[in-house]
All heavy atoms as atom14 arrays in JSON, in Angstrom:
{
  "sequence": "FCELCRKEITMPVYGDTILSFTSEEELECIDWCRHFHWIDFHRAC",
  "atom14_mask": [
    [1, 1, 1, 1, 1, 1, 1, 1, 1, 1, 1, 0, 0, 0],
    [1, 1, 1, 1, 1, 1, 0, 0, 0, 0, 0, 0, 0, 0],
    [1, 1, 1, 1, 1, 1, 1, 1, 1, 0, 0, 0, 0, 0],
    [1, 1, 1, 1, 1, 1, 1, 1, 0, 0, 0, 0, 0, 0],
    [1, 1, 1, 1, 1, 1, 0, 0, 0, 0, 0, 0, 0, 0],
    [1, 1, 1, 1, 1, 1, 1, 1, 1, 1, 1, 0, 0, 0],
    [1, 1, 1, 1, 1, 1, 1, 1, 1, 0, 0, 0, 0, 0],
    [1, 1, 1, 1, 1, 1, 1, 1, 1, 0, 0, 0, 0, 0],
    [1, 1, 1, 1, 1, 1, 1, 1, 0, 0, 0, 0, 0, 0],
    [1, 1, 1, 1, 1, 1, 1, 0, 0, 0, 0, 0, 0, 0],
    [1, 1, 1, 1, 1, 1, 1, 1, 0, 0, 0, 0, 0, 0],
    [1, 1, 1, 1, 1, 1, 1, 0, 0, 0, 0, 0, 0, 0],
    [1, 1, 1, 1, 1, 1, 1, 0, 0, 0, 0, 0, 0, 0],
    [1, 1, 1, 1, 1, 1, 1, 1, 1, 1, 1, 1, 0, 0],
    [1, 1, 1, 1, 0, 0, 0, 0, 0, 0, 0, 0, 0, 0],
    [1, 1, 1, 1, 1, 1, 1, 1, 0, 0, 0, 0, 0, 0],
    [1, 1, 1, 1, 1, 1, 1, 0, 0, 0, 0, 0, 0, 0],
    [1, 1, 1, 1, 1, 1, 1, 1, 0, 0, 0, 0, 0, 0],
    [1, 1, 1, 1, 1, 1, 1, 1, 0, 0, 0, 0, 0, 0],
    [1, 1, 1, 1, 1, 1, 0, 0, 0, 0, 0, 0, 0, 0],
    [1, 1, 1, 1, 1, 1, 1, 1, 1, 1, 1, 0, 0, 0],
    [1, 1, 1, 1, 1, 1, 1, 0, 0, 0, 0, 0, 0, 0],
    [1, 1, 1, 1, 1, 1, 0, 0, 0, 0, 0, 0, 0, 0],
    [1, 1, 1, 1, 1, 1, 1, 1, 1, 0, 0, 0, 0, 0],
    [1, 1, 1, 1, 1, 1, 1, 1, 1, 0, 0, 0, 0, 0],
    [1, 1, 1, 1, 1, 1, 1, 1, 1, 0, 0, 0, 0, 0],
    [1, 1, 1, 1, 1, 1, 1, 1, 0, 0, 0, 0, 0, 0],
    [1, 1, 1, 1, 1, 1, 1, 1, 1, 0, 0, 0, 0, 0],
    [1, 1, 1, 1, 1, 1, 0, 0, 0, 0, 0, 0, 0, 0],
    [1, 1, 1, 1, 1, 1, 1, 1, 0, 0, 0, 0, 0, 0],
    [1, 1, 1, 1, 1, 1, 1, 1, 0, 0, 0, 0, 0, 0],
    [1, 1, 1, 1, 1, 1, 1, 1, 1, 1, 1, 1, 1, 1],
    [1, 1, 1, 1, 1, 1, 0, 0, 0, 0, 0, 0, 0, 0],
    [1, 1, 1, 1, 1, 1, 1, 1, 1, 1, 1, 0, 0, 0],
    [1, 1, 1, 1, 1, 1, 1, 1, 1, 1, 0, 0, 0, 0],
    [1, 1, 1, 1, 1, 1, 1, 1, 1, 1, 1, 0, 0, 0],
    [1, 1, 1, 1, 1, 1, 1, 1, 1, 1, 0, 0, 0, 0],
    [1, 1, 1, 1, 1, 1, 1, 1, 1, 1, 1, 1, 1, 1],
    [1, 1, 1, 1, 1, 1, 1, 1, 0, 0, 0, 0, 0, 0],
    [1, 1, 1, 1, 1, 1, 1, 1, 0, 0, 0, 0, 0, 0],
    [1, 1, 1, 1, 1, 1, 1, 1, 1, 1, 1, 0, 0, 0],
    [1, 1, 1, 1, 1, 1, 1, 1, 1, 1, 0, 0, 0, 0],
    [1, 1, 1, 1, 1, 1, 1, 1, 1, 1, 1, 0, 0, 0],
    [1, 1, 1, 1, 1, 0, 0, 0, 0, 0, 0, 0, 0, 0],
    [1, 1, 1, 1, 1, 1, 0, 0, 0, 0, 0, 0, 0, 0]
  ],
  "atom14_positions": [
    [[92.88, 125.26, -58.32], [92.47, 123.87, -58.26], [91.33, 123.76, -57.26], [91.45, 124.17, -56.11], [93.64, 122.98, -57.83], [93.28, 121.52, -57.81], [93.25, 120.8, -58.99], [92.95, 120.89, -56.62], [92.9, 119.45, -58.99], [92.6, 119.55, -56.6], [92.59, 118.83, -57.79], [0.0, 0.0, 0.0], [0.0, 0.0, 0.0], [0.0, 0.0, 0.0]],
    [[90.19, 123.22, -57.7], [89.06, 123.02, -56.82], [89.19, 121.64, -56.17], [89.17, 120.62, -56.86], [87.74, 123.12, -57.59], [86.3, 122.74, -56.56], [0.0, 0.0, 0.0], [0.0, 0.0, 0.0], [0.0, 0.0, 0.0], [0.0, 0.0, 0.0], [0.0, 0.0, 0.0], [0.0, 0.0, 0.0], [0.0, 0.0, 0.0], [0.0, 0.0, 0.0]],
    [[89.31, 121.64, -54.85], [89.47, 120.4, -54.11], [88.23, 119.53, -54.19], [88.3, 118.31, -54.09], [89.8, 120.68, -52.64], [91.06, 121.47, -52.41], [90.86, 122.98, -52.44], [89.72, 123.45, -52.7], [91.83, 123.71, -52.23], [0.0, 0.0, 0.0], [0.0, 0.0, 0.0], [0.0, 0.0, 0.0], [0.0, 0.0, 0.0], [0.0, 0.0, 0.0]],
    [[87.06, 120.16, -54.35], [85.81, 119.41, -54.38], [85.53, 118.82, -55.76], [85.06, 117.69, -55.87], [84.65, 120.31, -53.94], [84.81, 120.87, -52.52], [83.74, 121.91, -52.24], [84.77, 119.77, -51.49], [0.0, 0.0, 0.0], [0.0, 0.0, 0.0], [0.0, 0.0, 0.0], [0.0, 0.0, 0.0], [0.0, 0.0, 0.0], [0.0, 0.0, 0.0]],
    [[85.82, 119.58, -56.83], [85.67, 119.07, -58.2], [86.84, 118.17, -58.58], [86.73, 117.37, -59.49], [85.66, 120.22, -59.21], [84.27, 121.32, -59.17], [0.0, 0.0, 0.0], [0.0, 0.0, 0.0], [0.0, 0.0, 0.0], [0.0, 0.0, 0.0], [0.0, 0.0, 0.0], [0.0, 0.0, 0.0], [0.0, 0.0, 0.0], [0.0, 0.0, 0.0]],
    [[87.94, 118.36, -57.89], [89.2, 117.68, -58.2], [89.67, 118.01, -59.61], [90.08, 117.14, -60.37], [89.08, 116.19, -58.01], [88.71, 115.79, -56.59], [89.37, 114.49, -56.19], [88.94, 113.94, -54.94], [89.14, 114.46, -53.74], [89.73, 115.59, -53.63], [88.74, 113.85, -52.65], [0.0, 0.0, 0.0], [0.0, 0.0, 0.0], [0.0, 0.0, 0.0]],
    [[89.58, 119.32, -59.96], [90.07, 119.74, -61.27], [90.46, 121.22, -61.23], [90.08, 121.96, -60.33], [89.03, 119.49, -62.36], [87.76, 120.3, -62.23], [86.8, 119.93, -63.35], [85.51, 120.74, -63.22], [84.55, 120.39, -64.26], [0.0, 0.0, 0.0], [0.0, 0.0, 0.0], [0.0, 0.0, 0.0], [0.0, 0.0, 0.0], [0.0, 0.0, 0.0]],
    [[91.23, 121.59, -62.23], [91.67, 122.98, -62.4], [90.49, 123.8, -62.92], [89.81, 123.4, -63.86], [92.83, 123.03, -63.4], [93.52, 124.35, -63.48], [94.47, 124.62, -62.32], [94.93, 123.67, -61.66], [94.73, 125.8, -62.08], [0.0, 0.0, 0.0], [0.0, 0.0, 0.0], [0.0, 0.0, 0.0], [0.0, 0.0, 0.0], [0.0, 0.0, 0.0]],
    [[90.25, 124.95, -62.3], [89.16, 125.83, -62.69], [89.76, 127.11, -63.27], [90.7, 127.67, -62.7], [88.25, 126.19, -61.48], [87.69, 124.93, -60.83], [87.16, 127.17, -61.88], [86.8, 124.09, -61.71], [0.0, 0.0, 0.0], [0.0, 0.0, 0.0], [0.0, 0.0, 0.0], [0.0, 0.0, 0.0], [0.0, 0.0, 0.0], [0.0, 0.0, 0.0]],
    [[89.22, 127.56, -64.38], [89.63, 128.8, -65.01], [88.43, 129.72, -65.07], [87.37, 129.31, -65.56], [90.17, 128.54, -66.43], [91.24, 127.62, -66.35], [90.64, 129.82, -67.09], [0.0, 0.0, 0.0], [0.0, 0.0, 0.0], [0.0, 0.0, 0.0], [0.0, 0.0, 0.0], [0.0, 0.0, 0.0], [0.0, 0.0, 0.0], [0.0, 0.0, 0.0]],
    [[88.56, 130.94, -64.54], [87.44, 131.87, -64.5], [87.89, 133.23, -65.01], [88.78, 133.85, -64.42], [86.91, 131.99, -63.08], [85.65, 132.85, -62.97], [85.04, 132.94, -61.26], [84.44, 131.28, -61.02], [0.0, 0.0, 0.0], [0.0, 0.0, 0.0], [0.0, 0.0, 0.0], [0.0, 0.0, 0.0], [0.0, 0.0, 0.0], [0.0, 0.0, 0.0]],
    [[87.29, 133.71, -66.11], [87.66, 135.02, -66.63], [87.11, 136.15, -65.76], [86.04, 136.03, -65.18], [87.02, 135.04, -68.02], [85.89, 134.09, -67.94], [86.28, 133.05, -66.94], [0.0, 0.0, 0.0], [0.0, 0.0, 0.0], [0.0, 0.0, 0.0], [0.0, 0.0, 0.0], [0.0, 0.0, 0.0], [0.0, 0.0, 0.0], [0.0, 0.0, 0.0]],
    [[87.87, 137.24, -65.68], [87.45, 138.45, -64.98], [87.38, 139.55, -66.04], [88.35, 139.77, -66.76], [88.45, 138.83, -63.87], [88.04, 140.13, -63.19], [88.57, 137.7, -62.85], [0.0, 0.0, 0.0], [0.0, 0.0, 0.0], [0.0, 0.0, 0.0], [0.0, 0.0, 0.0], [0.0, 0.0, 0.0], [0.0, 0.0, 0.0], [0.0, 0.0, 0.0]],
    [[86.23, 140.21, -66.13], [86.02, 141.21, -67.17], [86.18, 142.62, -66.63], [85.89, 142.9, -65.47], [84.61, 141.06, -67.77], [84.46, 139.81, -68.58], [84.12, 138.6, -68.0], [84.69, 139.83, -69.95], [84.0, 137.44, -68.74], [84.58, 138.68, -70.71], [84.22, 137.49, -70.1], [84.12, 136.36, -70.85], [0.0, 0.0, 0.0], [0.0, 0.0, 0.0]],
    [[86.61, 143.53, -67.49], [86.74, 144.94, -67.17], [86.86, 145.74, -68.45], [86.87, 145.18, -69.55], [0.0, 0.0, 0.0], [0.0, 0.0, 0.0], [0.0, 0.0, 0.0], [0.0, 0.0, 0.0], [0.0, 0.0, 0.0], [0.0, 0.0, 0.0], [0.0, 0.0, 0.0], [0.0, 0.0, 0.0], [0.0, 0.0, 0.0], [0.0, 0.0, 0.0]],
    [[86.98, 147.04, -68.31], [87.04, 147.86, -69.52], [88.46, 148.2, -69.94], [88.69, 148.72, -71.02], [86.2, 149.13, -69.39], [86.5, 149.93, -68.15], [87.45, 149.57, -67.42], [85.79, 150.91, -67.9], [0.0, 0.0, 0.0], [0.0, 0.0, 0.0], [0.0, 0.0, 0.0], [0.0, 0.0, 0.0], [0.0, 0.0, 0.0], [0.0, 0.0, 0.0]],
    [[89.43, 147.92, -69.07], [90.84, 148.12, -69.46], [91.67, 146.99, -68.87], [91.34, 146.43, -67.83], [91.4, 149.46, -68.93], [91.26, 149.49, -67.5], [90.68, 150.66, -69.51], [0.0, 0.0, 0.0], [0.0, 0.0, 0.0], [0.0, 0.0, 0.0], [0.0, 0.0, 0.0], [0.0, 0.0, 0.0], [0.0, 0.0, 0.0], [0.0, 0.0, 0.0]],
    [[92.75, 146.67, -69.54], [93.66, 145.64, -69.04], [94.33, 146.17, -67.78], [94.84, 147.29, -67.76], [94.72, 145.28, -70.1], [94.05, 144.73, -71.36], [95.75, 144.3, -69.55], [93.34, 143.41, -71.17], [0.0, 0.0, 0.0], [0.0, 0.0, 0.0], [0.0, 0.0, 0.0], [0.0, 0.0, 0.0], [0.0, 0.0, 0.0], [0.0, 0.0, 0.0]],
    [[94.3, 145.38, -66.75], [94.88, 145.77, -65.46], [96.19, 145.05, -65.23], [96.38, 143.93, -65.68], [93.92, 145.44, -64.32], [92.54, 146.07, -64.38], [91.67, 145.52, -63.27], [92.64, 147.58, -64.28], [0.0, 0.0, 0.0], [0.0, 0.0, 0.0], [0.0, 0.0, 0.0], [0.0, 0.0, 0.0], [0.0, 0.0, 0.0], [0.0, 0.0, 0.0]],
    [[97.03, 145.68, -64.5], [98.26, 145.03, -64.07], [98.12, 144.81, -62.56], [98.27, 145.73, -61.77], [99.46, 145.93, -64.38], [100.64, 145.32, -63.93], [0.0, 0.0, 0.0], [0.0, 0.0, 0.0], [0.0, 0.0, 0.0], [0.0, 0.0, 0.0], [0.0, 0.0, 0.0], [0.0, 0.0, 0.0], [0.0, 0.0, 0.0], [0.0, 0.0, 0.0]],
    [[97.76, 143.59, -62.2], [97.54, 143.27, -60.79], [98.86, 143.12, -60.05], [99.81, 142.55, -60.57], [96.77, 141.96, -60.65], [95.31, 142.03, -60.98], [94.61, 140.88, -61.27], [94.62, 143.22, -61.0], [93.26, 140.9, -61.56], [93.27, 143.27, -61.29], [92.59, 142.1, -61.57], [0.0, 0.0, 0.0], [0.0, 0.0, 0.0], [0.0, 0.0, 0.0]],
    [[98.87, 143.58, -58.8], [99.98, 143.26, -57.92], [99.78, 141.82, -57.49], [98.69, 141.26, -57.65], [100.01, 144.18, -56.68], [98.83, 143.91, -55.9], [100.07, 145.66, -57.05], [0.0, 0.0, 0.0], [0.0, 0.0, 0.0], [0.0, 0.0, 0.0], [0.0, 0.0, 0.0], [0.0, 0.0, 0.0], [0.0, 0.0, 0.0], [0.0, 0.0, 0.0]],
    [[100.79, 141.2, -56.92], [100.64, 139.8, -56.49], [99.57, 139.68, -55.41], [98.84, 138.69, -55.36], [101.97, 139.23, -56.02], [102.49, 139.98, -54.97], [0.0, 0.0, 0.0], [0.0, 0.0, 0.0], [0.0, 0.0, 0.0], [0.0, 0.0, 0.0], [0.0, 0.0, 0.0], [0.0, 0.0, 0.0], [0.0, 0.0, 0.0], [0.0, 0.0, 0.0]],
    [[99.42, 140.69, -54.57], [98.4, 140.68, -53.52], [96.99, 140.76, -54.15], [96.08, 140.04, -53.75], [98.61, 141.86, -52.56], [97.71, 141.82, -51.35], [98.04, 142.94, -50.39], [99.15, 142.91, -49.81], [97.19, 143.83, -50.23], [0.0, 0.0, 0.0], [0.0, 0.0, 0.0], [0.0, 0.0, 0.0], [0.0, 0.0, 0.0], [0.0, 0.0, 0.0]],
    [[96.82, 141.62, -55.15], [95.53, 141.74, -55.83], [95.21, 140.47, -56.6], [94.05, 140.06, -56.68], [95.55, 142.94, -56.79], [95.6, 144.28, -56.09], [95.87, 145.43, -57.05], [96.61, 145.24, -58.05], [95.36, 146.52, -56.78], [0.0, 0.0, 0.0], [0.0, 0.0, 0.0], [0.0, 0.0, 0.0], [0.0, 0.0, 0.0], [0.0, 0.0, 0.0]],
    [[96.22, 139.85, -57.16], [96.03, 138.61, -57.89], [95.51, 137.51, -56.95], [94.57, 136.79, -57.29], [97.35, 138.18, -58.53], [97.22, 137.14, -59.59], [98.52, 136.92, -60.34], [99.06, 137.89, -60.89], [98.98, 135.77, -60.33], [0.0, 0.0, 0.0], [0.0, 0.0, 0.0], [0.0, 0.0, 0.0], [0.0, 0.0, 0.0], [0.0, 0.0, 0.0]],
    [[96.1, 137.41, -55.77], [95.65, 136.43, -54.78], [94.21, 136.71, -54.35], [93.41, 135.79, -54.19], [96.58, 136.41, -53.57], [97.97, 135.84, -53.81], [98.83, 136.01, -52.57], [97.9, 134.38, -54.21], [0.0, 0.0, 0.0], [0.0, 0.0, 0.0], [0.0, 0.0, 0.0], [0.0, 0.0, 0.0], [0.0, 0.0, 0.0], [0.0, 0.0, 0.0]],
    [[93.88, 137.98, -54.17], [92.52, 138.36, -53.78], [91.53, 138.0, -54.9], [90.44, 137.49, -54.63], [92.44, 139.85, -53.48], [91.07, 140.28, -53.01], [90.99, 141.75, -52.65], [92.03, 142.43, -52.6], [89.86, 142.22, -52.43], [0.0, 0.0, 0.0], [0.0, 0.0, 0.0], [0.0, 0.0, 0.0], [0.0, 0.0, 0.0], [0.0, 0.0, 0.0]],
    [[91.91, 138.23, -56.14], [91.06, 137.89, -57.28], [90.82, 136.38, -57.34], [89.69, 135.93, -57.55], [91.71, 138.39, -58.57], [90.66, 138.17, -60.02], [0.0, 0.0, 0.0], [0.0, 0.0, 0.0], [0.0, 0.0, 0.0], [0.0, 0.0, 0.0], [0.0, 0.0, 0.0], [0.0, 0.0, 0.0], [0.0, 0.0, 0.0], [0.0, 0.0, 0.0]],
    [[91.86, 135.6, -57.13], [91.72, 134.14, -57.14], [90.82, 133.69, -56.0], [89.98, 132.8, -56.17], [93.1, 133.46, -57.09], [93.84, 133.7, -58.42], [92.97, 131.97, -56.8], [95.28, 133.31, -58.42], [0.0, 0.0, 0.0], [0.0, 0.0, 0.0], [0.0, 0.0, 0.0], [0.0, 0.0, 0.0], [0.0, 0.0, 0.0], [0.0, 0.0, 0.0]],
    [[90.93, 134.33, -54.84], [90.04, 134.01, -53.71], [88.58, 134.28, -54.07], [87.69, 133.49, -53.73], [90.42, 134.81, -52.46], [91.61, 134.24, -51.74], [92.01, 133.08, -52.01], [92.18, 134.95, -50.89], [0.0, 0.0, 0.0], [0.0, 0.0, 0.0], [0.0, 0.0, 0.0], [0.0, 0.0, 0.0], [0.0, 0.0, 0.0], [0.0, 0.0, 0.0]],
    [[88.32, 135.39, -54.75], [86.95, 135.71, -55.17], [86.46, 134.7, -56.2], [85.3, 134.27, -56.16], [86.86, 137.13, -55.71], [86.74, 138.15, -54.62], [87.71, 139.02, -54.2], [85.61, 138.37, -53.78], [87.23, 139.78, -53.16], [85.95, 139.4, -52.87], [84.35, 137.81, -53.7], [85.07, 139.87, -51.91], [83.46, 138.28, -52.73], [83.82, 139.3, -51.86]],
    [[87.32, 134.33, -57.14], [86.95, 133.32, -58.14], [86.58, 132.01, -57.45], [85.56, 131.38, -57.76], [88.09, 133.08, -59.13], [88.42, 134.45, -60.25], [0.0, 0.0, 0.0], [0.0, 0.0, 0.0], [0.0, 0.0, 0.0], [0.0, 0.0, 0.0], [0.0, 0.0, 0.0], [0.0, 0.0, 0.0], [0.0, 0.0, 0.0], [0.0, 0.0, 0.0]],
    [[87.4, 131.59, -56.49], [87.15, 130.36, -55.74], [85.83, 130.46, -54.97], [85.02, 129.53, -54.96], [88.32, 130.1, -54.78], [88.19, 128.81, -54.0], [89.39, 128.57, -53.09], [90.5, 128.06, -53.87], [91.66, 128.69, -54.05], [91.86, 129.86, -53.49], [92.61, 128.15, -54.76], [0.0, 0.0, 0.0], [0.0, 0.0, 0.0], [0.0, 0.0, 0.0]],
    [[85.6, 131.61, -54.35], [84.38, 131.83, -53.57], [83.14, 131.7, -54.45], [82.19, 130.98, -54.1], [84.44, 133.22, -52.93], [83.17, 133.65, -52.28], [82.74, 133.13, -51.07], [82.22, 134.53, -52.67], [81.58, 133.69, -50.75], [81.25, 134.54, -51.7], [0.0, 0.0, 0.0], [0.0, 0.0, 0.0], [0.0, 0.0, 0.0], [0.0, 0.0, 0.0]],
    [[83.13, 132.38, -55.6], [81.95, 132.33, -56.46], [81.78, 130.97, -57.13], [80.65, 130.53, -57.36], [81.97, 133.46, -57.49], [81.68, 134.8, -56.85], [82.64, 135.78, -56.82], [80.46, 135.04, -56.24], [82.38, 137.0, -56.21], [80.2, 136.25, -55.63], [81.16, 137.25, -55.62], [0.0, 0.0, 0.0], [0.0, 0.0, 0.0], [0.0, 0.0, 0.0]],
    [[82.86, 130.28, -57.39], [82.76, 128.9, -57.91], [82.09, 128.02, -56.86], [81.19, 127.23, -57.16], [84.16, 128.36, -58.25], [84.16, 126.91, -58.6], [83.79, 126.45, -59.84], [84.45, 125.81, -57.85], [83.86, 125.13, -59.85], [84.25, 124.72, -58.66], [0.0, 0.0, 0.0], [0.0, 0.0, 0.0], [0.0, 0.0, 0.0], [0.0, 0.0, 0.0]],
    [[82.51, 128.17, -55.6], [81.91, 127.38, -54.51], [80.42, 127.67, -54.4], [79.6, 126.76, -54.29], [82.62, 127.67, -53.19], [82.0, 126.94, -52.04], [82.18, 125.63, -51.7], [81.05, 127.47, -51.11], [81.4, 125.31, -50.61], [80.71, 126.43, -50.22], [80.47, 128.71, -50.92], [79.81, 126.61, -49.18], [79.57, 128.88, -49.88], [79.25, 127.84, -49.03]],
    [[80.04, 128.95, -54.48], [78.62, 129.31, -54.38], [77.82, 128.65, -55.5], [76.76, 128.09, -55.27], [78.44, 130.85, -54.42], [78.89, 131.46, -53.09], [76.99, 131.24, -54.73], [78.91, 132.98, -53.09], [0.0, 0.0, 0.0], [0.0, 0.0, 0.0], [0.0, 0.0, 0.0], [0.0, 0.0, 0.0], [0.0, 0.0, 0.0], [0.0, 0.0, 0.0]],
    [[78.33, 128.73, -56.71], [77.59, 128.21, -57.86], [77.55, 126.69, -57.94], [76.57, 126.11, -58.4], [78.19, 128.73, -59.18], [77.84, 130.18, -59.44], [76.97, 130.73, -58.74], [78.44, 130.77, -60.34], [0.0, 0.0, 0.0], [0.0, 0.0, 0.0], [0.0, 0.0, 0.0], [0.0, 0.0, 0.0], [0.0, 0.0, 0.0], [0.0, 0.0, 0.0]],
    [[78.61, 126.02, -57.49], [78.71, 124.58, -57.72], [78.75, 123.71, -56.46], [78.58, 122.49, -56.56], [79.95, 124.27, -58.57], [79.87, 124.84, -59.95], [80.51, 126.04, -60.24], [79.14, 124.22, -60.94], [80.43, 126.6, -61.5], [79.06, 124.76, -62.21], [79.7, 125.96, -62.5], [0.0, 0.0, 0.0], [0.0, 0.0, 0.0], [0.0, 0.0, 0.0]],
    [[79.0, 124.29, -55.29], [79.21, 123.45, -54.11], [78.47, 123.9, -52.85], [78.6, 123.24, -51.82], [80.71, 123.37, -53.77], [81.53, 122.86, -54.9], [81.43, 121.58, -55.4], [82.48, 123.48, -55.67], [82.27, 121.42, -56.4], [82.91, 122.56, -56.59], [0.0, 0.0, 0.0], [0.0, 0.0, 0.0], [0.0, 0.0, 0.0], [0.0, 0.0, 0.0]],
    [[77.72, 124.99, -52.89], [77.02, 125.45, -51.69], [75.79, 124.56, -51.48], [74.73, 124.78, -52.03], [76.62, 126.92, -51.82], [75.97, 127.46, -50.56], [75.71, 128.93, -50.63], [74.8, 129.23, -51.72], [74.49, 130.45, -52.09], [75.02, 131.48, -51.48], [73.64, 130.66, -53.08], [0.0, 0.0, 0.0], [0.0, 0.0, 0.0], [0.0, 0.0, 0.0]],
    [[75.98, 123.53, -50.7], [74.95, 122.51, -50.5], [74.24, 122.7, -49.16], [74.79, 123.27, -48.22], [75.57, 121.12, -50.56], [0.0, 0.0, 0.0], [0.0, 0.0, 0.0], [0.0, 0.0, 0.0], [0.0, 0.0, 0.0], [0.0, 0.0, 0.0], [0.0, 0.0, 0.0], [0.0, 0.0, 0.0], [0.0, 0.0, 0.0], [0.0, 0.0, 0.0]],
    [[73.04, 122.17, -49.09], [72.25, 122.18, -47.86], [72.87, 121.2, -46.86], [73.21, 120.07, -47.23], [70.82, 121.78, -48.19], [69.74, 121.58, -46.75], [0.0, 0.0, 0.0], [0.0, 0.0, 0.0], [0.0, 0.0, 0.0], [0.0, 0.0, 0.0], [0.0, 0.0, 0.0], [0.0, 0.0, 0.0], [0.0, 0.0, 0.0], [0.0, 0.0, 0.0]]
  ]
}
């Protein structure tokens, strides 16, 4: 959930094989998704 957009964000992650993420890796992936969403849509002057 993006607090700034006030909506649920879904971001696909691509790779060459299906991965089985641990819960820790899943949280890290979501953090990266949130980070890049912020850069693209909310990094303001």
